[in-house]
C-alpha atoms as a PDB file:
ATOM      1  CA  MET A   1      -1.582 132.911  38.838  1.00  0.00           C
ATOM      2  CA  SER A   2      -0.693 131.859  35.433  1.00  0.00           C
ATOM      3  CA  GLU A   3       1.428 133.964  33.152  1.00  0.00           C
ATOM      4  CA  LYS A   4      -1.817 134.540  31.102  1.00  0.00           C
ATOM      5  CA  GLU A   5      -3.607 135.773  34.157  1.00  0.00           C
ATOM      6  CA  ARG A   6      -0.984 138.343  35.046  1.00  0.00           C
ATOM      7  CA  LEU A   7      -1.240 140.230  31.795  1.00  0.00           C
ATOM      8  CA  LEU A   8      -1.740 143.588  33.552  1.00  0.00           C
ATOM      9  CA  GLU A   9       1.100 143.116  36.094  1.00  0.00           C
ATOM     10  CA  GLY A  10       2.649 146.474  36.755  1.00  0.00           C
ATOM     11  CA  GLU A  11      -0.458 148.268  35.416  1.00  0.00           C
ATOM     12  CA  THR A  12      -2.689 150.649  37.323  1.00  0.00           C
ATOM     13  CA  VAL A  13      -6.225 151.071  36.127  1.00  0.00           C
ATOM     14  CA  VAL A  14      -8.201 154.024  37.505  1.00  0.00           C
ATOM     15  CA  PHE A  15     -12.033 153.897  37.439  1.00  0.00           C
ATOM     16  CA  THR A  16     -13.723 157.246  37.396  1.00  0.00           C
ATOM     17  CA  GLY A  17     -17.508 156.555  37.186  1.00  0.00           C
ATOM     18  CA  SER A  18     -20.325 157.551  39.616  1.00  0.00           C
ATOM     19  CA  ARG A  19     -20.503 154.107  41.130  1.00  0.00           C
ATOM     20  CA  GLU A  20     -17.612 151.767  42.130  1.00  0.00           C
ATOM     21  CA  PRO A  21     -17.669 148.787  39.640  1.00  0.00           C
ATOM     22  CA  VAL A  22     -16.500 146.153  42.254  1.00  0.00           C
ATOM     23  CA  GLU A  23     -16.733 143.221  39.882  1.00  0.00           C
ATOM     24  CA  ALA A  24     -14.791 144.911  37.130  1.00  0.00           C
ATOM     25  CA  MET A  25     -12.095 146.044  39.610  1.00  0.00           C
ATOM     26  CA  LEU A  26     -11.756 142.448  40.882  1.00  0.00           C
ATOM     27  CA  HIS A  27     -11.551 141.413  37.218  1.00  0.00           C
ATOM     28  CA  ALA A  28      -8.652 143.823  36.566  1.00  0.00           C
ATOM     29  CA  LYS A  29      -6.919 142.615  39.652  1.00  0.00           C
ATOM     30  CA  SER A  30      -7.234 138.958  38.457  1.00  0.00           C
ATOM     31  CA  PHE A  31      -5.067 139.966  35.536  1.00  0.00           C
ATOM     32  CA  GLY A  32      -2.516 141.456  38.069  1.00  0.00           C
ATOM     33  CA  ALA A  33      -3.425 145.144  37.831  1.00  0.00           C
ATOM     34  CA  LYS A  34      -3.586 147.471  40.656  1.00  0.00           C
ATOM     35  CA  THR A  35      -6.805 149.430  40.738  1.00  0.00           C
ATOM     36  CA  LEU A  36      -7.932 152.890  42.072  1.00  0.00           C
ATOM     37  CA  TYR A  37     -11.457 154.366  42.387  1.00  0.00           C
ATOM     38  CA  LEU A  38     -11.629 158.058  41.870  1.00  0.00           C
ATOM     39  CA  PRO A  39     -15.225 159.030  40.971  1.00  0.00           C
ATOM     40  CA  LEU A  40     -15.166 162.223  38.889  1.00  0.00           C
ATOM     41  CA  ILE A  41     -18.925 162.812  38.959  1.00  0.00           C
ATOM     42  CA  GLY A  42     -21.794 162.345  41.354  1.00  0.00           C
ATOM     43  CA  THR A  43     -25.577 162.818  41.191  1.00  0.00           C
ATOM     44  CA  SER A  44     -28.170 164.901  43.013  1.00  0.00           C
ATOM     45  CA  ILE A  45     -31.700 163.921  42.807  1.00  0.00           C
ATOM     46  CA  ARG A  46     -33.950 166.640  41.685  1.00  0.00           C
ATOM     47  CA  GLN A  47     -37.106 167.558  43.618  1.00  0.00           C
ATOM     48  CA  SER A  48     -39.030 168.372  40.468  1.00  0.00           C
ATOM     49  CA  GLU A  49     -42.712 167.925  39.841  1.00  0.00           C
ATOM     50  CA  LYS A  50     -43.450 164.513  38.766  1.00  0.00           C
ATOM     51  CA  PRO A  51     -45.367 163.959  35.497  1.00  0.00           C
ATOM     52  CA  ASP A  52     -48.403 161.506  35.255  1.00  0.00           C
ATOM     53  CA  LEU A  53     -46.330 158.384  34.601  1.00  0.00           C
ATOM     54  CA  ASN A  54     -49.426 156.319  33.846  1.00  0.00           C
ATOM     55  CA  SER A  55     -50.240 158.569  30.853  1.00  0.00           C
ATOM     56  CA  TYR A  56     -47.325 157.180  29.012  1.00  0.00           C
ATOM     57  CA  ASP A  57     -47.027 154.110  26.938  1.00  0.00           C
ATOM     58  CA  TRP A  58     -43.227 153.743  27.351  1.00  0.00           C
ATOM     59  CA  LEU A  59     -40.600 154.963  29.913  1.00  0.00           C
ATOM     60  CA  ILE A  60     -37.045 155.328  28.385  1.00  0.00           C
ATOM     61  CA  PHE A  61     -33.751 155.018  30.340  1.00  0.00           C
ATOM     62  CA  THR A  62     -30.248 155.511  28.739  1.00  0.00           C
ATOM     63  CA  SER A  63     -28.101 155.185  31.622  1.00  0.00           C
ATOM     64  CA  ARG A  64     -27.866 153.177  35.021  1.00  0.00           C
ATOM     65  CA  THR A  65     -27.867 156.625  36.798  1.00  0.00           C
ATOM     66  CA  SER A  66     -31.164 157.570  35.545  1.00  0.00           C
ATOM     67  CA  ALA A  67     -32.498 154.166  36.362  1.00  0.00           C
ATOM     68  CA  GLU A  68     -31.107 154.295  39.950  1.00  0.00           C
ATOM     69  CA  ALA A  69     -32.572 157.862  40.470  1.00  0.00           C
ATOM     70  CA  PHE A  70     -35.951 156.747  39.345  1.00  0.00           C
ATOM     71  CA  CYS A  71     -35.899 153.591  41.329  1.00  0.00           C
ATOM     72  CA  GLN A  72     -35.452 155.722  44.500  1.00  0.00           C
ATOM     73  CA  LEU A  73     -38.914 157.154  43.879  1.00  0.00           C
ATOM     74  CA  HIS A  74     -40.681 153.637  44.283  1.00  0.00           C
ATOM     75  CA  GLU A  75     -43.150 154.382  41.621  1.00  0.00           C
ATOM     76  CA  ASN A  76     -45.756 151.829  40.320  1.00  0.00           C
ATOM     77  CA  VAL A  77     -46.041 152.166  36.626  1.00  0.00           C
ATOM     78  CA  THR A  78     -48.113 150.503  33.983  1.00  0.00           C
ATOM     79  CA  ALA A  79     -45.969 151.677  30.973  1.00  0.00           C
ATOM     80  CA  LYS A  80     -43.599 149.464  29.156  1.00  0.00           C
ATOM     81  CA  ILE A  81     -39.846 150.170  29.688  1.00  0.00           C
ATOM     82  CA  ALA A  82     -37.084 150.617  27.338  1.00  0.00           C
ATOM     83  CA  ALA A  83     -33.399 150.525  28.645  1.00  0.00           C
ATOM     84  CA  VAL A  84     -30.101 151.190  26.980  1.00  0.00           C
ATOM     85  CA  GLY A  85     -27.587 148.591  28.085  1.00  0.00           C
ATOM     86  CA  GLU A  86     -27.600 145.403  30.335  1.00  0.00           C
ATOM     87  CA  GLY A  87     -26.561 147.418  33.412  1.00  0.00           C
ATOM     88  CA  THR A  88     -29.455 149.839  33.032  1.00  0.00           C
ATOM     89  CA  ALA A  89     -31.897 147.115  32.606  1.00  0.00           C
ATOM     90  CA  LEU A  90     -30.523 145.103  35.564  1.00  0.00           C
ATOM     91  CA  VAL A  91     -31.010 148.116  37.928  1.00  0.00           C
ATOM     92  CA  LEU A  92     -34.684 148.326  36.910  1.00  0.00           C
ATOM     93  CA  GLN A  93     -35.239 144.565  36.985  1.00  0.00           C
ATOM     94  CA  GLN A  94     -33.652 144.214  40.559  1.00  0.00           C
ATOM     95  CA  GLN A  95     -36.348 146.724  41.623  1.00  0.00           C
ATOM     96  CA  GLY A  96     -39.186 144.694  40.161  1.00  0.00           C
ATOM     97  CA  TYR A  97     -39.693 146.390  36.840  1.00  0.00           C
ATOM     98  CA  ASN A  98     -39.959 144.529  33.552  1.00  0.00           C
ATOM     99  CA  VAL A  99     -37.742 145.701  30.761  1.00  0.00           C
ATOM    100  CA  ASP A 100     -39.503 145.346  27.383  1.00  0.00           C
ATOM    101  CA  PHE A 101     -36.797 146.662  24.975  1.00  0.00           C
ATOM    102  CA  ILE A 102     -32.994 146.795  24.865  1.00  0.00           C
ATOM    103  CA  PRO A 103     -31.160 147.788  21.650  1.00  0.00           C
ATOM    104  CA  GLN A 104     -28.732 145.409  20.101  1.00  0.00           C
ATOM    105  CA  ILE A 105     -25.797 147.710  20.755  1.00  0.00           C
ATOM    106  CA  PHE A 106     -25.844 149.560  24.125  1.00  0.00           C
ATOM    107  CA  SER A 107     -25.734 153.294  23.002  1.00  0.00           C
ATOM    108  CA  ALA A 108     -28.436 155.941  22.604  1.00  0.00           C
ATOM    109  CA  ASP A 109     -27.408 156.607  18.995  1.00  0.00           C
ATOM    110  CA  ARG A 110     -28.366 152.926  18.142  1.00  0.00           C
ATOM    111  CA  PHE A 111     -31.352 153.054  20.408  1.00  0.00           C
ATOM    112  CA  VAL A 112     -32.916 155.860  18.291  1.00  0.00           C
ATOM    113  CA  GLN A 113     -32.438 153.824  15.061  1.00  0.00           C
ATOM    114  CA  GLU A 114     -34.295 150.737  16.484  1.00  0.00           C
ATOM    115  CA  PHE A 115     -36.894 152.100  18.951  1.00  0.00           C
ATOM    116  CA  PRO A 116     -39.282 154.107  16.652  1.00  0.00           C
ATOM    117  CA  ALA A 117     -40.303 151.038  14.890  1.00  0.00           C
ATOM    118  CA  VAL A 118     -41.098 149.452  18.133  1.00  0.00           C
ATOM    119  CA  ALA A 119     -42.945 152.446  19.710  1.00  0.00           C
ATOM    120  CA  GLY A 120     -44.947 153.345  16.669  1.00  0.00           C
ATOM    121  CA  ASP A 121     -47.361 156.148  17.763  1.00  0.00           C
ATOM    122  CA  ALA A 122     -46.996 155.381  21.386  1.00  0.00           C
ATOM    123  CA  LYS A 123     -46.580 158.169  23.964  1.00  0.00           C
ATOM    124  CA  CYS A 124     -42.957 158.070  25.473  1.00  0.00           C
ATOM    125  CA  LEU A 125     -41.258 159.682  28.553  1.00  0.00           C
ATOM    126  CA  PHE A 126     -37.408 159.956  28.468  1.00  0.00           C
ATOM    127  CA  ILE A 127     -36.197 159.820  32.103  1.00  0.00           C
ATOM    128  CA  LYS A 128     -32.936 161.533  32.129  1.00  0.00           C
ATOM    129  CA  GLY A 129     -30.067 163.565  33.797  1.00  0.00           C
ATOM    130  CA  ALA A 130     -29.554 167.360  33.173  1.00  0.00           C
ATOM    131  CA  LEU A 131     -26.468 166.682  30.993  1.00  0.00           C
ATOM    132  CA  ALA A 132     -28.022 164.097  28.698  1.00  0.00           C
ATOM    133  CA  LYS A 133     -27.778 164.620  24.966  1.00  0.00           C
ATOM    134  CA  ASN A 134     -30.949 165.421  23.016  1.00  0.00           C
ATOM    135  CA  THR A 135     -30.357 162.152  20.923  1.00  0.00           C
ATOM    136  CA  VAL A 136     -33.495 160.561  22.250  1.00  0.00           C
ATOM    137  CA  ALA A 137     -35.720 163.566  21.935  1.00  0.00           C
ATOM    138  CA  SER A 138     -34.641 163.848  18.235  1.00  0.00           C
ATOM    139  CA  MET A 139     -36.642 160.594  17.274  1.00  0.00           C
ATOM    140  CA  PRO A 140     -39.605 161.047  14.953  1.00  0.00           C
ATOM    141  CA  ILE A 141     -41.993 159.905  17.742  1.00  0.00           C
ATOM    142  CA  GLN A 142     -43.767 161.623  20.564  1.00  0.00           C
ATOM    143  CA  VAL A 143     -41.243 161.867  23.425  1.00  0.00           C
ATOM    144  CA  ASP A 144     -41.503 163.999  26.601  1.00  0.00           C
ATOM    145  CA  GLU A 145     -38.607 164.561  29.004  1.00  0.00           C
ATOM    146  CA  TRP A 146     -38.313 164.383  32.712  1.00  0.00           C
ATOM    147  CA  THR A 147     -35.021 165.300  34.372  1.00  0.00           C
ATOM    148  CA  VAL A 148     -34.520 163.397  37.538  1.00  0.00           C
ATOM    149  CA  TYR A 149     -30.946 164.265  38.620  1.00  0.00           C
ATOM    150  CA  ASP A 150     -28.124 166.801  38.131  1.00  0.00           C
ATOM    151  CA  THR A 151     -24.566 165.690  37.614  1.00  0.00           C
ATOM    152  CA  ILE A 152     -21.990 167.066  40.193  1.00  0.00           C
ATOM    153  CA  PHE A 153     -18.297 167.264  39.253  1.00  0.00           C
ATOM    154  CA  LYS A 154     -16.004 166.000  42.043  1.00  0.00           C
ATOM    155  CA  LYS A 155     -13.203 168.448  41.945  1.00  0.00           C
ATOM    156  CA  ASP A 156     -11.058 166.937  44.732  1.00  0.00           C
ATOM    157  CA  ASN A 157     -10.926 163.500  42.999  1.00  0.00           C
ATOM    158  CA  ALA A 158     -10.179 165.188  39.612  1.00  0.00           C
ATOM    159  CA  GLU A 159      -7.248 167.179  41.196  1.00  0.00           C
ATOM    160  CA  LYS A 160      -5.863 163.908  42.554  1.00  0.00           C
ATOM    161  CA  LEU A 161      -6.226 162.211  39.169  1.00  0.00           C
ATOM    162  CA  ILE A 162      -4.436 164.784  37.155  1.00  0.00           C
ATOM    163  CA  HIS A 163      -1.232 164.215  39.067  1.00  0.00           C
ATOM    164  CA  LEU A 164      -1.170 160.462  38.408  1.00  0.00           C
ATOM    165  CA  LYS A 165       1.218 159.319  35.649  1.00  0.00           C
ATOM    166  CA  ASP A 166       1.765 155.947  33.760  1.00  0.00           C
ATOM    167  CA  VAL A 167      -1.787 154.860  34.522  1.00  0.00           C
ATOM    168  CA  ILE A 168      -4.793 153.673  32.456  1.00  0.00           C
ATOM    169  CA  ILE A 169      -7.774 156.109  33.169  1.00  0.00           C
ATOM    170  CA  LEU A 170     -11.152 154.548  32.469  1.00  0.00           C
ATOM    171  CA  PHE A 171     -13.877 156.966  31.279  1.00  0.00           C
ATOM    172  CA  ALA A 172     -17.348 155.958  31.176  1.00  0.00           C
ATOM    173  CA  SER A 173     -19.157 159.093  30.311  1.00  0.00           C
ATOM    174  CA  PRO A 174     -18.467 162.540  28.536  1.00  0.00           C
ATOM    175  CA  SER A 175     -19.172 164.061  31.920  1.00  0.00           C
ATOM    176  CA  ALA A 176     -16.287 162.331  33.463  1.00  0.00           C
ATOM    177  CA  VAL A 177     -14.097 163.519  30.633  1.00  0.00           C
ATOM    178  CA  SER A 178     -15.311 167.086  31.201  1.00  0.00           C
ATOM    179  CA  ALA A 179     -14.533 166.901  34.882  1.00  0.00           C
ATOM    180  CA  TYR A 180     -10.949 165.698  34.186  1.00  0.00           C
ATOM    181  CA  ARG A 181     -10.355 168.440  31.610  1.00  0.00           C
ATOM    182  CA  GLN A 182     -11.830 171.196  33.795  1.00  0.00           C
ATOM    183  CA  ALA A 183      -9.300 170.218  36.467  1.00  0.00           C
ATOM    184  CA  GLY A 184      -6.464 170.608  34.090  1.00  0.00           C
ATOM    185  CA  GLY A 185      -6.019 167.026  33.194  1.00  0.00           C
ATOM    186  CA  ASP A 186      -3.971 166.270  29.964  1.00  0.00           C
ATOM    187  CA  TRP A 187      -3.193 163.248  27.872  1.00  0.00           C
ATOM    188  CA  SER A 188       0.490 163.250  27.821  1.00  0.00           C
ATOM    189  CA  GLU A 189       1.519 160.731  30.457  1.00  0.00           C
ATOM    190  CA  ILE A 190      -1.561 158.424  30.722  1.00  0.00           C
ATOM    191  CA  ARG A 191      -3.441 155.926  28.609  1.00  0.00           C
ATOM    192  CA  THR A 192      -7.210 155.977  28.322  1.00  0.00           C
ATOM    193  CA  ALA A 193     -10.022 153.557  28.056  1.00  0.00           C
ATOM    194  CA  ALA A 194     -13.429 154.569  26.989  1.00  0.00           C
ATOM    195  CA  ILE A 195     -16.778 152.933  27.354  1.00  0.00           C
ATOM    196  CA  GLY A 196     -18.985 153.920  24.467  1.00  0.00           C
ATOM    197  CA  HIS A 197     -18.372 155.765  21.353  1.00  0.00           C
ATOM    198  CA  VAL A 198     -19.858 158.963  22.707  1.00  0.00           C
ATOM    199  CA  THR A 199     -17.225 158.924  25.461  1.00  0.00           C
ATOM    200  CA  GLN A 200     -14.544 158.050  22.913  1.00  0.00           C
ATOM    201  CA  GLN A 201     -15.633 161.030  20.870  1.00  0.00           C
ATOM    202  CA  ALA A 202     -15.453 163.356  23.942  1.00  0.00           C
ATOM    203  CA  ILE A 203     -11.890 162.304  24.675  1.00  0.00           C
ATOM    204  CA  GLN A 204     -10.880 162.952  21.091  1.00  0.00           C
ATOM    205  CA  ALA A 205     -12.677 166.293  20.929  1.00  0.00           C
ATOM    206  CA  ASN A 206     -10.750 167.336  23.905  1.00  0.00           C
ATOM    207  CA  GLY A 207      -7.390 166.373  22.303  1.00  0.00           C
ATOM    208  CA  GLY A 208      -6.887 162.972  23.632  1.00  0.00           C
ATOM    209  CA  THR A 209      -6.262 159.696  22.076  1.00  0.00           C
ATOM    210  CA  VAL A 210      -8.323 156.552  23.165  1.00  0.00           C
ATOM    211  CA  ASP A 211      -6.165 153.470  23.579  1.00  0.00           C
ATOM    212  CA  PHE A 212      -8.922 150.951  24.575  1.00  0.00           C
ATOM    213  CA  THR A 213     -12.471 150.773  23.716  1.00  0.00           C
ATOM    214  CA  PRO A 214     -14.610 147.653  23.830  1.00  0.00           C
ATOM    215  CA  LYS A 215     -17.127 146.573  21.218  1.00  0.00           C
ATOM    216  CA  LYS A 216     -19.608 145.763  23.961  1.00  0.00           C
ATOM    217  CA  TYR A 217     -20.003 148.844  26.326  1.00  0.00           C
ATOM    218  CA  THR A 218     -19.522 147.298  29.729  1.00  0.00           C
ATOM    219  CA  TYR A 219     -16.860 147.594  32.414  1.00  0.00           C
ATOM    220  CA  MET A 220     -15.970 143.905  32.187  1.00  0.00           C
ATOM    221  CA  ASP A 221     -15.482 144.073  28.438  1.00  0.00           C
ATOM    222  CA  VAL A 222     -13.176 147.119  28.647  1.00  0.00           C
ATOM    223  CA  ILE A 223     -10.884 145.272  31.103  1.00  0.00           C
ATOM    224  CA  ASN A 224     -10.794 142.389  28.645  1.00  0.00           C
ATOM    225  CA  GLU A 225      -9.783 144.787  25.993  1.00  0.00           C
ATOM    226  CA  ILE A 226      -7.047 146.228  28.081  1.00  0.00           C
ATOM    227  CA  ALA A 227      -5.706 142.779  28.888  1.00  0.00           C
ATOM    228  CA  LYS A 228      -5.851 141.885  25.253  1.00  0.00           C
ATOM    229  CA  GLY A 229      -4.061 144.985  24.296  1.00  0.00           C
ATOM    230  CA  SER A 230      -1.214 144.157  26.684  1.00  0.00           C
ATOM    231  CA  LEU A 231      -0.461 140.963  24.626  1.00  0.00           C
ATOM    232  CA  SER A 232       0.716 143.286  21.690  1.00  0.00           C
ATOM    233  CA  LYS A 233       3.307 145.069  23.746  1.00  0.00           C
END
């Protein structure tokens, strides 16, 4: 490895999302970092009554998790699909669905600014998790909601995580922040990385400081941001 490639030598980056981001973990290791995977949240698919999907013009997904939950149902749909983020879109595309709209910035807040002009008076269905914010439902267009999964906090992993010191903990959702705090985690002997401004706000609202946050809301970009930050040490 070159000196540049070892920018994160001696650092430990802890990933806490519901799925193991293998590519991003390898990317962190390529900079010399050690990595840990301690998921703080999991999902449970709801056995709820399914709406008439073909009565909608648009299906809306704002997370990979909601897309993955939907794909497990193997539904044939005629509606157009809107997805927040490349990762969300990729999950759907890999299962054969066409994605017709992705906002320029991968956040629900940006989505609600751009999408109404695209949707017009179309009938839309927001496919979501139980803890999703009401951002999408606040749009001035017709939007129904269908909750397809519940979020489960992984207490055992959270209790392991709160005892780690001198590590960089990567949070990818407000739910992960909540799980960490409910287990008694504090911010005094760690650094934090946040994917997305909503996650950043959740950390700050819980008394933490965000040390790294990428402009593009992906795991790969947050690792690049951490590596870039190491240059200023």
